[in-house]
Amino acid sequence: MASVTPWVLGALGAAALVRAAYRPVRALIADGFVKSCAASDTACDPHLIVEGSMGSQPVYAVVGGVVVASGPDWLALVPNHEAVVLTYLNLTGPAASGTKVGAGEQIGHSGRLGFGVAKIERDASGGVKLVNYEPTAWLAVRGLSVSAKKRASGQNLWCEGGRTLRVPQQVARCGLSLPEPSGWALLPVSVTLS
C-alpha cells in the first residue's frame, strides 16, 4: 500500500498542473478591484461590484457553461457542473444566448462589473426558485478570484479577504446564503459568518 501513495500524490499533482494550464484565467476581470461588497450597511444588493483599474477591462467566465440569457449589457451563465446561475451586469459585447463558454474564456468587457450567484432549488410546490449566494464567498471556496491582477480598493472591504473571509451578519439579514465548502479549491478556504 505504501508504494501506491507516491503514485496517487503524483497523479494529483499532475492533474493540478493540467487544470492550471487548461484554465489559466481564474478571475472575473483582467485588472480591477472590489468597489462594493454584495451586502453593506446601507444596501442589500446581491451583486459584487468590481471596478476596472484602467477603465473597460476583459471579463471572463469563471467556470465553463452555457449562456442561457443575455441582453445589451448583461448575461446569465449556467455552469456545466453546478446548479447555479451566474449573472454578469454592465458588460459591453456580452456573449450571445446559447453560447457555450469555457472557464477563462472572455465573455465581454466592463469598466464597472456587477457579479451575482444564485443557487437553483426546487420549492415545496415543485417549482424552481433562486437563492442568492454571497458572490465573493462563492468565488473563494472554488479557488477563484475577483481580479487576475491582485488589486485592492484601499477601502479595507471585508470581501477583499481572499481565502479567509469573515462575512458580516448583514449578509444574512439581506437574505444572502453562504455557499457549501467545495472540493474544487486546492488550498484551504475559510468562510465564516461573524
Protein backbone atom coordinates (compact mmCIF):
# COMPACT_ATOMS: atom_id res chain seq x y z
CA MET A 1 0.00 0.00 0.00
CA ALA A 2 2.87 2.40 0.78
CA SER A 3 4.17 2.10 -2.79
CA VAL A 4 0.79 3.32 -4.15
CA THR A 5 0.85 6.61 -2.19
CA PRO A 6 3.57 8.32 -4.28
CA TRP A 7 1.71 7.39 -7.47
CA VAL A 8 -1.55 8.81 -6.15
CA LEU A 9 0.10 12.03 -4.97
CA GLY A 10 1.97 12.33 -8.27
CA ALA A 11 -1.26 11.88 -10.22
CA LEU A 12 -2.99 14.55 -8.11
CA GLY A 13 -0.10 16.94 -8.71
CA ALA A 14 -0.16 16.27 -12.45
CA ALA A 15 -3.93 16.83 -12.51
CA ALA A 16 -3.46 20.17 -10.74
CA LEU A 17 -0.85 21.25 -13.32
CA VAL A 18 -3.09 20.25 -16.22
CA ARG A 19 -6.01 22.11 -14.63
CA ALA A 20 -3.86 25.25 -14.20
CA ALA A 21 -2.67 25.05 -17.82
CA TYR A 22 -6.17 24.38 -19.14
CA ARG A 23 -7.77 27.21 -17.15
CA PRO A 24 -5.09 29.87 -16.80
CA VAL A 25 -7.53 32.73 -16.06
CA ARG A 26 -9.38 32.06 -12.82
CA ALA A 27 -10.79 35.53 -12.26
CA LEU A 28 -13.79 37.69 -13.16
CA ILE A 29 -11.91 40.64 -14.63
CA ALA A 30 -8.43 41.18 -16.03
CA ASP A 31 -7.39 44.12 -13.85
CA GLY A 32 -9.70 45.57 -11.23
CA PHE A 33 -10.68 45.90 -7.60
CA VAL A 34 -13.79 45.45 -5.47
CA LYS A 35 -15.81 48.65 -5.40
CA SER A 36 -18.51 47.33 -3.08
CA CYS A 37 -19.37 44.02 -1.45
CA ALA A 38 -22.70 42.34 -2.16
CA ALA A 39 -24.27 43.39 1.14
CA SER A 40 -23.34 46.55 3.01
CA ASP A 41 -24.69 48.54 5.93
CA THR A 42 -26.77 50.66 3.55
CA ALA A 43 -27.82 48.25 0.77
CA CYS A 44 -28.83 44.64 0.14
CA ASP A 45 -27.65 44.20 -3.43
CA PRO A 46 -26.84 40.53 -4.22
CA HIS A 47 -24.14 41.62 -6.69
CA LEU A 48 -20.47 42.23 -6.08
CA ILE A 49 -19.32 45.41 -7.86
CA VAL A 50 -15.86 45.30 -9.46
CA GLU A 51 -14.25 48.43 -10.89
CA GLY A 52 -11.79 48.13 -13.79
CA SER A 53 -8.44 49.68 -12.83
CA MET A 54 -7.88 51.40 -16.17
CA GLY A 55 -11.44 51.69 -17.50
CA SER A 56 -13.01 48.89 -19.50
CA GLN A 57 -11.35 45.50 -18.89
CA PRO A 58 -11.86 41.99 -20.31
CA VAL A 59 -14.40 39.96 -18.30
CA TYR A 60 -14.03 36.16 -18.09
CA ALA A 61 -16.31 33.21 -17.46
CA VAL A 62 -15.08 31.85 -14.12
CA VAL A 63 -16.44 28.38 -14.98
CA GLY A 64 -17.42 26.61 -18.16
CA GLY A 65 -21.10 26.61 -19.04
CA VAL A 66 -23.84 27.92 -21.31
CA VAL A 67 -25.09 31.49 -21.64
CA VAL A 68 -28.83 30.97 -21.01
CA ALA A 69 -29.89 34.60 -21.44
CA SER A 70 -28.26 37.87 -22.44
CA GLY A 71 -29.16 41.45 -23.14
CA PRO A 72 -27.36 44.52 -24.42
CA ASP A 73 -25.35 44.90 -21.18
CA TRP A 74 -25.76 41.67 -19.17
CA LEU A 75 -25.70 37.88 -19.37
CA ALA A 76 -26.70 34.86 -17.30
CA LEU A 77 -24.48 31.77 -17.35
CA VAL A 78 -25.33 28.28 -16.05
CA PRO A 79 -22.20 26.25 -15.23
CA ASN A 80 -21.74 22.74 -16.61
CA HIS A 81 -21.35 21.07 -13.21
CA GLU A 82 -23.31 23.08 -10.66
CA ALA A 83 -26.96 24.14 -10.20
CA VAL A 84 -26.33 27.90 -10.03
CA VAL A 85 -26.90 30.90 -12.28
CA LEU A 86 -24.04 33.42 -12.60
CA THR A 87 -25.09 36.93 -13.59
CA TYR A 88 -22.71 39.45 -15.13
CA LEU A 89 -24.02 43.04 -15.30
CA ASN A 90 -22.76 46.15 -17.13
CA LEU A 91 -21.00 44.27 -19.95
CA THR A 92 -20.23 45.59 -23.40
CA GLY A 93 -20.27 42.98 -26.13
CA PRO A 94 -21.67 40.17 -23.98
CA ALA A 95 -21.68 36.62 -25.35
CA ALA A 96 -24.99 35.72 -27.03
CA SER A 97 -27.63 33.40 -25.56
CA GLY A 98 -26.93 29.75 -26.31
CA THR A 99 -23.15 30.28 -26.47
CA LYS A 100 -21.07 27.58 -24.79
CA VAL A 101 -18.10 29.10 -22.94
CA GLY A 102 -15.08 27.56 -21.28
CA ALA A 103 -13.56 28.56 -17.98
CA GLY A 104 -11.33 31.58 -18.51
CA GLU A 105 -12.93 32.49 -21.84
CA GLN A 106 -13.60 36.19 -22.41
CA ILE A 107 -17.34 36.95 -22.40
CA GLY A 108 -17.29 40.75 -22.68
CA HIS A 109 -15.75 43.98 -21.35
CA SER A 110 -16.67 46.14 -18.38
CA GLY A 111 -15.47 49.18 -16.51
CA ARG A 112 -17.82 48.51 -13.59
CA LEU A 113 -18.87 44.87 -13.43
CA GLY A 114 -21.72 43.50 -11.32
CA PHE A 115 -21.42 39.80 -10.49
CA GLY A 116 -24.01 37.65 -8.73
CA VAL A 117 -24.57 33.96 -7.97
CA ALA A 118 -27.92 32.28 -7.32
CA LYS A 119 -28.48 28.61 -6.47
CA ILE A 120 -31.29 26.86 -8.37
CA GLU A 121 -33.60 24.98 -5.96
CA ARG A 122 -36.99 23.32 -6.05
CA ASP A 123 -39.65 24.83 -3.82
CA ALA A 124 -42.37 22.90 -1.95
CA SER A 125 -44.78 23.05 -4.91
CA GLY A 126 -42.20 21.60 -7.33
CA GLY A 127 -41.40 24.93 -8.95
CA VAL A 128 -37.96 26.47 -9.29
CA LYS A 129 -36.65 29.25 -7.08
CA LEU A 130 -33.33 31.07 -6.91
CA VAL A 131 -31.46 31.53 -3.62
CA ASN A 132 -28.78 34.24 -3.78
CA TYR A 133 -25.29 33.33 -2.60
CA GLU A 134 -22.76 35.86 -1.37
CA PRO A 135 -20.64 36.05 -4.58
CA THR A 136 -17.19 36.63 -3.06
CA ALA A 137 -17.58 33.59 -0.79
CA TRP A 138 -18.75 31.50 -3.76
CA LEU A 139 -15.62 32.51 -5.71
CA ALA A 140 -13.31 31.87 -2.72
CA VAL A 141 -14.49 28.33 -1.99
CA ARG A 142 -13.83 27.44 -5.62
CA GLY A 143 -10.31 28.88 -5.66
CA LEU A 144 -11.37 31.74 -7.93
CA SER A 145 -10.53 35.42 -7.57
CA VAL A 146 -12.06 38.77 -8.47
CA SER A 147 -9.14 40.13 -10.49
CA ALA A 148 -6.38 38.40 -12.46
CA LYS A 149 -4.00 41.12 -11.26
CA LYS A 150 -4.21 41.45 -7.48
CA ARG A 151 -5.55 44.90 -6.74
CA ALA A 152 -7.06 46.21 -3.53
CA SER A 153 -9.56 49.05 -3.39
CA GLY A 154 -7.79 50.69 -0.45
CA GLN A 155 -11.12 50.73 1.41
CA ASN A 156 -10.41 47.64 3.56
CA LEU A 157 -13.61 45.86 2.49
CA TRP A 158 -14.42 42.50 4.11
CA CYS A 159 -14.97 40.87 0.70
CA GLU A 160 -11.34 41.52 -0.30
CA GLY A 161 -10.19 38.93 2.24
CA GLY A 162 -9.09 36.37 -0.35
CA ARG A 163 -9.08 32.82 1.03
CA THR A 164 -10.14 33.89 4.54
CA LEU A 165 -13.45 35.73 4.59
CA ARG A 166 -15.22 36.91 7.73
CA VAL A 167 -18.67 37.62 6.37
CA PRO A 168 -20.67 40.21 8.38
CA GLN A 169 -24.16 39.46 9.75
CA GLN A 170 -25.57 41.99 7.25
CA VAL A 171 -25.20 39.31 4.55
CA ALA A 172 -27.62 37.01 6.41
CA ARG A 173 -30.02 39.90 7.10
CA CYS A 174 -30.04 40.65 3.37
CA GLY A 175 -31.07 37.06 2.63
CA LEU A 176 -27.79 36.02 1.03
CA SER A 177 -26.58 32.47 1.78
CA LEU A 178 -23.03 31.25 2.17
CA PRO A 179 -22.01 28.50 -0.24
CA GLU A 180 -21.19 24.99 0.89
CA PRO A 181 -17.48 24.10 1.02
CA SER A 182 -16.23 22.87 -2.32
CA GLY A 183 -13.61 20.31 -3.25
CA TRP A 184 -12.63 22.46 -6.22
CA ALA A 185 -10.05 24.56 -4.39
CA LEU A 186 -6.64 23.02 -3.78
CA LEU A 187 -5.86 25.17 -0.73
CA PRO A 188 -7.99 25.55 2.40
CA VAL A 189 -10.55 28.35 2.39
CA SER A 190 -12.24 29.80 5.46
CA VAL A 191 -15.64 31.49 5.04
CA THR A 192 -17.33 32.29 8.35
CA LEU A 193 -20.26 34.45 9.40
CA SER A 194 -19.10 36.91 12.06
